[in-house]
């Protein structure tokens, strides 16, 4: 991870700084990372969209494991019902967005 990690536009980008050096602690370097939950590859839990939705810690891990369709949505201005309707999603249980 570095400053080139993708993040949601306008949200907090990834940053890292050394908080304490080995010389300061006497044994180890200690650092601090700051970033948005929308940095890099991530899963939006239902709670992201629904006030009473499940948190990521409530979801079964198996939901995220298996075959997936990867779709490049970079030609669309936004990902919505209109853009999704242009993709054949028949039989798709997992969808990954590439851009």
PDB file of N, CA and C in Angstrom:
ATOM      1  N   UNK A   1       0.839  -1.170   0.000  1.00  0.00           N
ATOM      2  CA  UNK A   1       0.000   0.000   0.000  1.00  0.00           C
ATOM      3  C   UNK A   1       0.891   1.241   0.000  1.00  0.00           C
ATOM      4  N   UNK A   2       0.484   2.207  -0.800  1.00  0.00           N
ATOM      5  CA  UNK A   2       1.196   3.474  -0.838  1.00  0.00           C
ATOM      6  C   UNK A   2       0.221   4.558  -1.292  1.00  0.00           C
ATOM      7  N   UNK A   3       0.718   5.750  -1.540  1.00  0.00           N
ATOM      8  CA  UNK A   3      -0.132   6.890  -1.864  1.00  0.00           C
ATOM      9  C   UNK A   3      -0.854   6.756  -3.195  1.00  0.00           C
ATOM     10  N   UNK A   4      -0.491   5.751  -4.013  1.00  0.00           N
ATOM     11  CA  UNK A   4      -1.167   5.546  -5.294  1.00  0.00           C
ATOM     12  C   UNK A   4      -2.389   4.637  -5.160  1.00  0.00           C
ATOM     13  N   UNK A   5      -2.675   4.104  -3.980  1.00  0.00           N
ATOM     14  CA  UNK A   5      -3.824   3.237  -3.756  1.00  0.00           C
ATOM     15  C   UNK A   5      -5.116   3.980  -4.083  1.00  0.00           C
ATOM     16  N   UNK A   6      -5.965   3.378  -4.901  1.00  0.00           N
ATOM     17  CA  UNK A   6      -7.225   4.021  -5.289  1.00  0.00           C
ATOM     18  C   UNK A   6      -8.108   4.252  -4.076  1.00  0.00           C
ATOM     19  N   UNK A   7      -8.817   5.372  -4.094  1.00  0.00           N
ATOM     20  CA  UNK A   7      -9.773   5.681  -3.025  1.00  0.00           C
ATOM     21  C   UNK A   7     -10.955   6.416  -3.630  1.00  0.00           C
ATOM     22  N   UNK A   8     -12.043   6.447  -2.901  1.00  0.00           N
ATOM     23  CA  UNK A   8     -13.246   7.136  -3.382  1.00  0.00           C
ATOM     24  C   UNK A   8     -12.921   8.616  -3.549  1.00  0.00           C
ATOM     25  N   UNK A   9     -13.267   9.214  -4.695  1.00  0.00           N
ATOM     26  CA  UNK A   9     -12.956  10.628  -4.917  1.00  0.00           C
ATOM     27  C   UNK A   9     -13.481  11.527  -3.788  1.00  0.00           C
ATOM     28  N   UNK A  10     -12.610  12.369  -3.263  1.00  0.00           N
ATOM     29  CA  UNK A  10     -12.977  13.279  -2.181  1.00  0.00           C
ATOM     30  C   UNK A  10     -12.842  12.676  -0.799  1.00  0.00           C
ATOM     31  N   UNK A  11     -12.630  11.359  -0.728  1.00  0.00           N
ATOM     32  CA  UNK A  11     -12.483  10.694   0.565  1.00  0.00           C
ATOM     33  C   UNK A  11     -11.007  10.696   0.965  1.00  0.00           C
ATOM     34  N   UNK A  12     -10.712  10.197   2.145  1.00  0.00           N
ATOM     35  CA  UNK A  12      -9.359  10.213   2.700  1.00  0.00           C
ATOM     36  C   UNK A  12      -8.442   9.262   1.937  1.00  0.00           C
ATOM     37  N   UNK A  13      -7.389   9.761   1.305  1.00  0.00           N
ATOM     38  CA  UNK A  13      -6.446   8.874   0.618  1.00  0.00           C
ATOM     39  C   UNK A  13      -5.528   8.166   1.611  1.00  0.00           C
ATOM     40  N   UNK A  14      -4.867   7.116   1.152  1.00  0.00           N
ATOM     41  CA  UNK A  14      -3.930   6.390   1.991  1.00  0.00           C
ATOM     42  C   UNK A  14      -2.727   7.267   2.312  1.00  0.00           C
ATOM     43  N   UNK A  15      -2.274   7.213   3.561  1.00  0.00           N
ATOM     44  CA  UNK A  15      -1.013   7.854   3.948  1.00  0.00           C
ATOM     45  C   UNK A  15      -0.367   7.038   5.057  1.00  0.00           C
ATOM     46  N   UNK A  16       0.931   7.114   5.127  1.00  0.00           N
ATOM     47  CA  UNK A  16       1.700   6.414   6.159  1.00  0.00           C
ATOM     48  C   UNK A  16       2.759   7.370   6.683  1.00  0.00           C
ATOM     49  N   UNK A  17       2.957   7.336   7.985  1.00  0.00           N
ATOM     50  CA  UNK A  17       4.065   8.110   8.552  1.00  0.00           C
ATOM     51  C   UNK A  17       4.669   7.316   9.702  1.00  0.00           C
ATOM     52  N   UNK A  18       5.941   7.499   9.885  1.00  0.00           N
ATOM     53  CA  UNK A  18       6.645   6.882  10.994  1.00  0.00           C
ATOM     54  C   UNK A  18       6.353   7.701  12.251  1.00  0.00           C
ATOM     55  N   UNK A  19       5.733   7.067  13.233  1.00  0.00           N
ATOM     56  CA  UNK A  19       5.359   7.757  14.465  1.00  0.00           C
ATOM     57  C   UNK A  19       6.522   7.794  15.449  1.00  0.00           C
ATOM     58  N   UNK A  20       7.168   6.654  15.627  1.00  0.00           N
ATOM     59  CA  UNK A  20       8.332   6.542  16.513  1.00  0.00           C
ATOM     60  C   UNK A  20       9.377   5.657  15.848  1.00  0.00           C
ATOM     61  N   UNK A  21      10.620   6.085  15.870  1.00  0.00           N
ATOM     62  CA  UNK A  21      11.702   5.303  15.280  1.00  0.00           C
ATOM     63  C   UNK A  21      12.220   4.278  16.282  1.00  0.00           C
ATOM     64  N   UNK A  22      12.990   3.338  15.777  1.00  0.00           N
ATOM     65  CA  UNK A  22      13.606   2.319  16.635  1.00  0.00           C
ATOM     66  C   UNK A  22      14.477   2.981  17.690  1.00  0.00           C
ATOM     67  N   UNK A  23      15.129   4.066  17.297  1.00  0.00           N
ATOM     68  CA  UNK A  23      15.970   4.790  18.242  1.00  0.00           C
ATOM     69  C   UNK A  23      15.130   5.407  19.372  1.00  0.00           C
ATOM     70  N   UNK A  24      13.945   5.866  19.050  1.00  0.00           N
ATOM     71  CA  UNK A  24      13.072   6.471  20.056  1.00  0.00           C
ATOM     72  C   UNK A  24      12.460   5.429  21.000  1.00  0.00           C
ATOM     73  N   UNK A  25      12.079   4.275  20.460  1.00  0.00           N
ATOM     74  CA  UNK A  25      11.427   3.259  21.286  1.00  0.00           C
ATOM     75  C   UNK A  25      12.424   2.324  21.952  1.00  0.00           C
ATOM     76  N   UNK A  26      13.614   2.259  21.399  1.00  0.00           N
ATOM     77  CA  UNK A  26      14.615   1.342  21.933  1.00  0.00           C
ATOM     78  C   UNK A  26      14.520  -0.062  21.366  1.00  0.00           C
ATOM     79  N   UNK A  27      13.497  -0.333  20.527  1.00  0.00           N
ATOM     80  CA  UNK A  27      13.399  -1.696  20.002  1.00  0.00           C
ATOM     81  C   UNK A  27      12.776  -1.815  18.607  1.00  0.00           C
ATOM     82  N   UNK A  28      11.772  -0.996  18.285  1.00  0.00           N
ATOM     83  CA  UNK A  28      11.060  -1.158  17.010  1.00  0.00           C
ATOM     84  C   UNK A  28      10.661   0.188  16.413  1.00  0.00           C
ATOM     85  N   UNK A  29      10.407   0.187  15.088  1.00  0.00           N
ATOM     86  CA  UNK A  29       9.793   1.328  14.419  1.00  0.00           C
ATOM     87  C   UNK A  29       8.280   1.175  14.540  1.00  0.00           C
ATOM     88  N   UNK A  30       7.572   2.249  14.800  1.00  0.00           N
ATOM     89  CA  UNK A  30       6.113   2.226  14.894  1.00  0.00           C
ATOM     90  C   UNK A  30       5.570   3.245  13.914  1.00  0.00           C
ATOM     91  N   UNK A  31       4.610   2.801  13.102  1.00  0.00           N
ATOM     92  CA  UNK A  31       4.041   3.680  12.092  1.00  0.00           C
ATOM     93  C   UNK A  31       2.553   3.846  12.248  1.00  0.00           C
ATOM     94  N   UNK A  32       2.013   4.790  11.468  1.00  0.00           N
ATOM     95  CA  UNK A  32       0.585   5.078  11.483  1.00  0.00           C
ATOM     96  C   UNK A  32       0.078   5.128  10.048  1.00  0.00           C
ATOM     97  N   UNK A  33      -1.008   4.391   9.775  1.00  0.00           N
ATOM     98  CA  UNK A  33      -1.660   4.437   8.474  1.00  0.00           C
ATOM     99  C   UNK A  33      -3.001   5.142   8.627  1.00  0.00           C
ATOM    100  N   UNK A  34      -3.346   5.937   7.629  1.00  0.00           N
ATOM    101  CA  UNK A  34      -4.652   6.574   7.577  1.00  0.00           C
ATOM    102  C   UNK A  34      -5.218   6.326   6.190  1.00  0.00           C
ATOM    103  N   UNK A  35      -6.488   5.919   6.131  1.00  0.00           N
ATOM    104  CA  UNK A  35      -7.133   5.715   4.844  1.00  0.00           C
ATOM    105  C   UNK A  35      -8.630   5.568   5.045  1.00  0.00           C
ATOM    106  N   UNK A  36      -9.349   5.697   3.976  1.00  0.00           N
ATOM    107  CA  UNK A  36     -10.800   5.518   3.985  1.00  0.00           C
ATOM    108  C   UNK A  36     -11.142   4.041   3.894  1.00  0.00           C
ATOM    109  N   UNK A  37     -12.328   3.684   4.320  1.00  0.00           N
ATOM    110  CA  UNK A  37     -12.812   2.322   4.115  1.00  0.00           C
ATOM    111  C   UNK A  37     -13.035   2.032   2.636  1.00  0.00           C
ATOM    112  N   UNK A  38     -13.083   3.091   1.821  1.00  0.00           N
ATOM    113  CA  UNK A  38     -13.250   2.925   0.377  1.00  0.00           C
ATOM    114  C   UNK A  38     -11.907   2.990  -0.351  1.00  0.00           C
ATOM    115  N   UNK A  39     -10.860   2.511   0.279  1.00  0.00           N
ATOM    116  CA  UNK A  39      -9.538   2.492  -0.349  1.00  0.00           C
ATOM    117  C   UNK A  39      -9.268   1.116  -0.933  1.00  0.00           C
ATOM    118  N   UNK A  40      -8.710   1.108  -2.136  1.00  0.00           N
ATOM    119  CA  UNK A  40      -8.319  -0.152  -2.745  1.00  0.00           C
ATOM    120  C   UNK A  40      -9.510  -1.069  -2.959  1.00  0.00           C
ATOM    121  N   UNK A  41      -9.245  -2.362  -2.900  1.00  0.00           N
ATOM    122  CA  UNK A  41     -10.282  -3.369  -3.052  1.00  0.00           C
ATOM    123  C   UNK A  41     -10.992  -3.542  -1.729  1.00  0.00           C
ATOM    124  N   UNK A  42     -12.312  -3.538  -1.769  1.00  0.00           N
ATOM    125  CA  UNK A  42     -13.076  -3.673  -0.542  1.00  0.00           C
ATOM    126  C   UNK A  42     -14.469  -4.207  -0.846  1.00  0.00           C
ATOM    127  N   UNK A  43     -15.175  -4.553   0.177  1.00  0.00           N
ATOM    128  CA  UNK A  43     -16.553  -5.011   0.065  1.00  0.00           C
ATOM    129  C   UNK A  43     -17.433  -4.022   0.816  1.00  0.00           C
ATOM    130  N   UNK A  44     -18.480  -3.568   0.173  1.00  0.00           N
ATOM    131  CA  UNK A  44     -19.460  -2.727   0.855  1.00  0.00           C
ATOM    132  C   UNK A  44     -20.484  -3.633   1.517  1.00  0.00           C
ATOM    133  N   UNK A  45     -20.529  -3.615   2.825  1.00  0.00           N
ATOM    134  CA  UNK A  45     -21.525  -4.387   3.559  1.00  0.00           C
ATOM    135  C   UNK A  45     -22.894  -3.750   3.366  1.00  0.00           C
ATOM    136  N   UNK A  46     -23.978  -4.517   3.545  1.00  0.00           N
ATOM    137  CA  UNK A  46     -25.320  -3.934   3.419  1.00  0.00           C
ATOM    138  C   UNK A  46     -25.525  -2.691   4.293  1.00  0.00           C
ATOM    139  N   UNK A  47     -24.846  -2.611   5.437  1.00  0.00           N
ATOM    140  CA  UNK A  47     -24.958  -1.448   6.316  1.00  0.00           C
ATOM    141  C   UNK A  47     -24.531  -0.156   5.607  1.00  0.00           C
ATOM    142  N   UNK A  48     -23.681  -0.264   4.606  1.00  0.00           N
ATOM    143  CA  UNK A  48     -23.234   0.914   3.861  1.00  0.00           C
ATOM    144  C   UNK A  48     -24.409   1.599   3.158  1.00  0.00           C
ATOM    145  N   UNK A  49     -25.402   0.791   2.745  1.00  0.00           N
ATOM    146  CA  UNK A  49     -26.545   1.307   1.993  1.00  0.00           C
ATOM    147  C   UNK A  49     -27.846   1.322   2.787  1.00  0.00           C
ATOM    148  N   UNK A  50     -27.938   0.466   3.809  1.00  0.00           N
ATOM    149  CA  UNK A  50     -29.181   0.308   4.562  1.00  0.00           C
ATOM    150  C   UNK A  50     -28.920   0.528   6.042  1.00  0.00           C
ATOM    151  N   UNK A  51     -29.690   1.393   6.667  1.00  0.00           N
ATOM    152  CA  UNK A  51     -29.482   1.670   8.092  1.00  0.00           C
ATOM    153  C   UNK A  51     -29.569   0.427   8.956  1.00  0.00           C
ATOM    154  N   UNK A  52     -30.399  -0.537   8.563  1.00  0.00           N
ATOM    155  CA  UNK A  52     -30.534  -1.756   9.358  1.00  0.00           C
ATOM    156  C   UNK A  52     -29.831  -2.945   8.697  1.00  0.00           C
ATOM    157  N   UNK A  53     -28.917  -2.655   7.750  1.00  0.00           N
ATOM    158  CA  UNK A  53     -28.192  -3.719   7.048  1.00  0.00           C
ATOM    159  C   UNK A  53     -27.135  -4.377   7.906  1.00  0.00           C
ATOM    160  N   UNK A  54     -26.671  -5.545   7.452  1.00  0.00           N
ATOM    161  CA  UNK A  54     -25.636  -6.279   8.173  1.00  0.00           C
ATOM    162  C   UNK A  54     -24.297  -5.564   8.049  1.00  0.00           C
ATOM    163  N   UNK A  55     -23.512  -5.645   9.144  1.00  0.00           N
ATOM    164  CA  UNK A  55     -22.138  -5.141   9.133  1.00  0.00           C
ATOM    165  C   UNK A  55     -21.266  -6.189   8.462  1.00  0.00           C
ATOM    166  N   UNK A  56     -20.088  -5.796   8.013  1.00  0.00           N
ATOM    167  CA  UNK A  56     -19.179  -6.727   7.348  1.00  0.00           C
ATOM    168  C   UNK A  56     -18.836  -7.901   8.268  1.00  0.00           C
ATOM    169  N   UNK A  57     -18.759  -7.654   9.558  1.00  0.00           N
ATOM    170  CA  UNK A  57     -18.442  -8.729  10.501  1.00  0.00           C
ATOM    171  C   UNK A  57     -19.602  -9.706  10.681  1.00  0.00           C
ATOM    172  N   UNK A  58     -20.801  -9.333  10.200  1.00  0.00           N
ATOM    173  CA  UNK A  58     -21.967 -10.220  10.283  1.00  0.00           C
ATOM    174  C   UNK A  58     -22.066 -11.162   9.093  1.00  0.00           C
ATOM    175  N   UNK A  59     -21.349 -10.876   8.015  1.00  0.00           N
ATOM    176  CA  UNK A  59     -21.451 -11.670   6.797  1.00  0.00           C
ATOM    177  C   UNK A  59     -20.593 -12.919   6.872  1.00  0.00           C
ATOM    178  N   UNK A  60     -21.104 -14.000   6.332  1.00  0.00           N
ATOM    179  CA  UNK A  60     -20.340 -15.249   6.258  1.00  0.00           C
ATOM    180  C   UNK A  60     -19.199 -15.080   5.254  1.00  0.00           C
ATOM    181  N   UNK A  61     -18.047 -15.603   5.579  1.00  0.00           N
ATOM    182  CA  UNK A  61     -16.881 -15.506   4.705  1.00  0.00           C
ATOM    183  C   UNK A  61     -17.129 -16.193   3.364  1.00  0.00           C
ATOM    184  N   UNK A  62     -17.890 -17.284   3.358  1.00  0.00           N
ATOM    185  CA  UNK A  62     -18.152 -18.039   2.131  1.00  0.00           C
ATOM    186  C   UNK A  62     -18.836 -17.194   1.053  1.00  0.00           C
ATOM    187  N   UNK A  63     -19.532 -16.143   1.456  1.00  0.00           N
ATOM    188  CA  UNK A  63     -20.195 -15.260   0.494  1.00  0.00           C
ATOM    189  C   UNK A  63     -19.173 -14.649  -0.459  1.00  0.00           C
ATOM    190  N   UNK A  64     -17.949 -14.473   0.000  1.00  0.00           N
ATOM    191  CA  UNK A  64     -16.914 -13.776  -0.764  1.00  0.00           C
ATOM    192  C   UNK A  64     -15.959 -14.716  -1.492  1.00  0.00           C
ATOM    193  N   UNK A  65     -16.208 -16.011  -1.424  1.00  0.00           N
ATOM    194  CA  UNK A  65     -15.302 -16.988  -2.028  1.00  0.00           C
ATOM    195  C   UNK A  65     -16.016 -17.723  -3.147  1.00  0.00           C
ATOM    196  N   UNK A  66     -15.406 -17.750  -4.326  1.00  0.00           N
ATOM    197  CA  UNK A  66     -15.978 -18.484  -5.444  1.00  0.00           C
ATOM    198  C   UNK A  66     -15.802 -17.740  -6.749  1.00  0.00           C
ATOM    199  N   UNK A  67     -16.375 -18.312  -7.791  1.00  0.00           N
ATOM    200  CA  UNK A  67     -16.282 -17.714  -9.119  1.00  0.00           C
ATOM    201  C   UNK A  67     -17.002 -16.373  -9.141  1.00  0.00           C
ATOM    202  N   UNK A  68     -16.437 -15.453  -9.913  1.00  0.00           N
ATOM    203  CA  UNK A  68     -17.029 -14.119 -10.038  1.00  0.00           C
ATOM    204  C   UNK A  68     -16.883 -13.639 -11.477  1.00  0.00           C
ATOM    205  N   UNK A  69     -17.791 -12.797 -11.887  1.00  0.00           N
ATOM    206  CA  UNK A  69     -17.669 -12.140 -13.178  1.00  0.00           C
ATOM    207  C   UNK A  69     -17.009 -10.788 -12.944  1.00  0.00           C
ATOM    208  N   UNK A  70     -16.032 -10.470 -13.779  1.00  0.00           N
ATOM    209  CA  UNK A  70     -15.354  -9.179 -13.709  1.00  0.00           C
ATOM    210  C   UNK A  70     -15.841  -8.337 -14.883  1.00  0.00           C
ATOM    211  N   UNK A  71     -16.343  -7.145 -14.573  1.00  0.00           N
ATOM    212  CA  UNK A  71     -16.884  -6.258 -15.602  1.00  0.00           C
ATOM    213  C   UNK A  71     -16.177  -4.913 -15.517  1.00  0.00           C
ATOM    214  N   UNK A  72     -15.760  -4.419 -16.680  1.00  0.00           N
ATOM    215  CA  UNK A  72     -15.129  -3.102 -16.759  1.00  0.00           C
ATOM    216  C   UNK A  72     -16.222  -2.049 -16.968  1.00  0.00           C
ATOM    217  N   UNK A  73     -16.464  -1.244 -15.948  1.00  0.00           N
ATOM    218  CA  UNK A  73     -17.479  -0.203 -16.013  1.00  0.00           C
ATOM    219  C   UNK A  73     -16.872   1.174 -16.279  1.00  0.00           C
ATOM    220  N   UNK A  74     -15.613   1.237 -16.721  1.00  0.00           N
ATOM    221  CA  UNK A  74     -14.944   2.530 -16.881  1.00  0.00           C
ATOM    222  C   UNK A  74     -15.595   3.416 -17.940  1.00  0.00           C
ATOM    223  N   UNK A  75     -16.348   2.838 -18.851  1.00  0.00           N
ATOM    224  CA  UNK A  75     -16.999   3.654 -19.883  1.00  0.00           C
ATOM    225  C   UNK A  75     -18.309   4.277 -19.394  1.00  0.00           C
ATOM    226  N   UNK A  76     -18.758   3.896 -18.189  1.00  0.00           N
ATOM    227  CA  UNK A  76     -19.989   4.446 -17.636  1.00  0.00           C
ATOM    228  C   UNK A  76     -19.671   5.604 -16.694  1.00  0.00           C
ATOM    229  N   UNK A  77     -20.496   6.639 -16.725  1.00  0.00           N
ATOM    230  CA  UNK A  77     -20.299   7.785 -15.832  1.00  0.00           C
ATOM    231  C   UNK A  77     -20.569   7.401 -14.381  1.00  0.00           C
ATOM    232  N   UNK A  78     -21.509   6.470 -14.175  1.00  0.00           N
ATOM    233  CA  UNK A  78     -21.792   5.993 -12.823  1.00  0.00           C
ATOM    234  C   UNK A  78     -22.307   4.565 -12.899  1.00  0.00           C
ATOM    235  N   UNK A  79     -22.165   3.868 -11.794  1.00  0.00           N
ATOM    236  CA  UNK A  79     -22.648   2.500 -11.702  1.00  0.00           C
ATOM    237  C   UNK A  79     -24.049   2.549 -11.104  1.00  0.00           C
ATOM    238  N   UNK A  80     -25.039   2.258 -11.932  1.00  0.00           N
ATOM    239  CA  UNK A  80     -26.428   2.338 -11.488  1.00  0.00           C
ATOM    240  C   UNK A  80     -27.248   1.280 -12.223  1.00  0.00           C
ATOM    241  N   UNK A  81     -28.559   1.346 -12.050  1.00  0.00           N
ATOM    242  CA  UNK A  81     -29.450   0.366 -12.679  1.00  0.00           C
ATOM    243  C   UNK A  81     -29.317   0.373 -14.197  1.00  0.00           C
ATOM    244  N   UNK A  82     -29.130   1.558 -14.784  1.00  0.00           N
ATOM    245  CA  UNK A  82     -29.008   1.675 -16.238  1.00  0.00           C
ATOM    246  C   UNK A  82     -27.745   0.959 -16.729  1.00  0.00           C
ATOM    247  N   UNK A  83     -26.614   1.211 -16.086  1.00  0.00           N
ATOM    248  CA  UNK A  83     -25.376   0.557 -16.520  1.00  0.00           C
ATOM    249  C   UNK A  83     -25.426  -0.947 -16.274  1.00  0.00           C
ATOM    250  N   UNK A  84     -25.990  -1.363 -15.140  1.00  0.00           N
ATOM    251  CA  UNK A  84     -26.097  -2.794 -14.846  1.00  0.00           C
ATOM    252  C   UNK A  84     -27.029  -3.510 -15.819  1.00  0.00           C
ATOM    253  N   UNK A  85     -28.062  -2.818 -16.315  1.00  0.00           N
ATOM    254  CA  UNK A  85     -29.013  -3.443 -17.240  1.00  0.00           C
ATOM    255  C   UNK A  85     -28.363  -3.760 -18.586  1.00  0.00           C
ATOM    256  N   UNK A  86     -27.214  -3.175 -18.880  1.00  0.00           N
ATOM    257  CA  UNK A  86     -26.517  -3.408 -20.142  1.00  0.00           C
ATOM    258  C   UNK A  86     -25.558  -4.588 -20.066  1.00  0.00           C
ATOM    259  N   UNK A  87     -25.464  -5.217 -18.913  1.00  0.00           N
ATOM    260  CA  UNK A  87     -24.568  -6.351 -18.702  1.00  0.00           C
ATOM    261  C   UNK A  87     -25.403  -7.610 -18.480  1.00  0.00           C
ATOM    262  N   UNK A  88     -25.014  -8.719 -19.122  1.00  0.00           N
ATOM    263  CA  UNK A  88     -25.710  -9.992 -18.893  1.00  0.00           C
ATOM    264  C   UNK A  88     -25.269 -10.544 -17.545  1.00  0.00           C
ATOM    265  N   UNK A  89     -26.145 -10.493 -16.574  1.00  0.00           N
ATOM    266  CA  UNK A  89     -25.845 -10.969 -15.220  1.00  0.00           C
ATOM    267  C   UNK A  89     -26.547 -12.286 -14.908  1.00  0.00           C
ATOM    268  N   UNK A  90     -27.049 -12.959 -15.925  1.00  0.00           N
ATOM    269  CA  UNK A  90     -27.745 -14.227 -15.722  1.00  0.00           C
ATOM    270  C   UNK A  90     -26.799 -15.242 -15.084  1.00  0.00           C
ATOM    271  N   UNK A  91     -27.175 -15.762 -13.938  1.00  0.00           N
ATOM    272  CA  UNK A  91     -26.381 -16.769 -13.237  1.00  0.00           C
ATOM    273  C   UNK A  91     -25.227 -16.210 -12.424  1.00  0.00           C
ATOM    274  N   UNK A  92     -25.034 -14.911 -12.411  1.00  0.00           N
ATOM    275  CA  UNK A  92     -23.917 -14.292 -11.673  1.00  0.00           C
ATOM    276  C   UNK A  92     -24.275 -14.183 -10.190  1.00  0.00           C
ATOM    277  N   UNK A  93     -23.414 -14.727  -9.345  1.00  0.00           N
ATOM    278  CA  UNK A  93     -23.613 -14.604  -7.898  1.00  0.00           C
ATOM    279  C   UNK A  93     -22.618 -13.644  -7.271  1.00  0.00           C
ATOM    280  N   UNK A  94     -21.504 -13.377  -7.971  1.00  0.00           N
ATOM    281  CA  UNK A  94     -20.502 -12.427  -7.483  1.00  0.00           C
ATOM    282  C   UNK A  94     -20.065 -11.569  -8.667  1.00  0.00           C
ATOM    283  N   UNK A  95     -20.023 -10.263  -8.452  1.00  0.00           N
ATOM    284  CA  UNK A  95     -19.655  -9.330  -9.511  1.00  0.00           C
ATOM    285  C   UNK A  95     -18.520  -8.445  -9.004  1.00  0.00           C
ATOM    286  N   UNK A  96     -17.448  -8.404  -9.778  1.00  0.00           N
ATOM    287  CA  UNK A  96     -16.322  -7.536  -9.460  1.00  0.00           C
ATOM    288  C   UNK A  96     -16.260  -6.435 -10.494  1.00  0.00           C
ATOM    289  N   UNK A  97     -16.079  -5.218 -10.021  1.00  0.00           N
ATOM    290  CA  UNK A  97     -16.006  -4.067 -10.920  1.00  0.00           C
ATOM    291  C   UNK A  97     -14.546  -3.718 -11.163  1.00  0.00           C
ATOM    292  N   UNK A  98     -14.176  -3.660 -12.407  1.00  0.00           N
ATOM    293  CA  UNK A  98     -12.841  -3.200 -12.792  1.00  0.00           C
ATOM    294  C   UNK A  98     -12.979  -1.809 -13.386  1.00  0.00           C
ATOM    295  N   UNK A  99     -12.026  -0.950 -13.087  1.00  0.00           N
ATOM    296  CA  UNK A  99     -12.020   0.386 -13.701  1.00  0.00           C
ATOM    297  C   UNK A  99     -10.640   0.938 -13.701  1.00  0.00           C
TER     298      UNK A  99
END
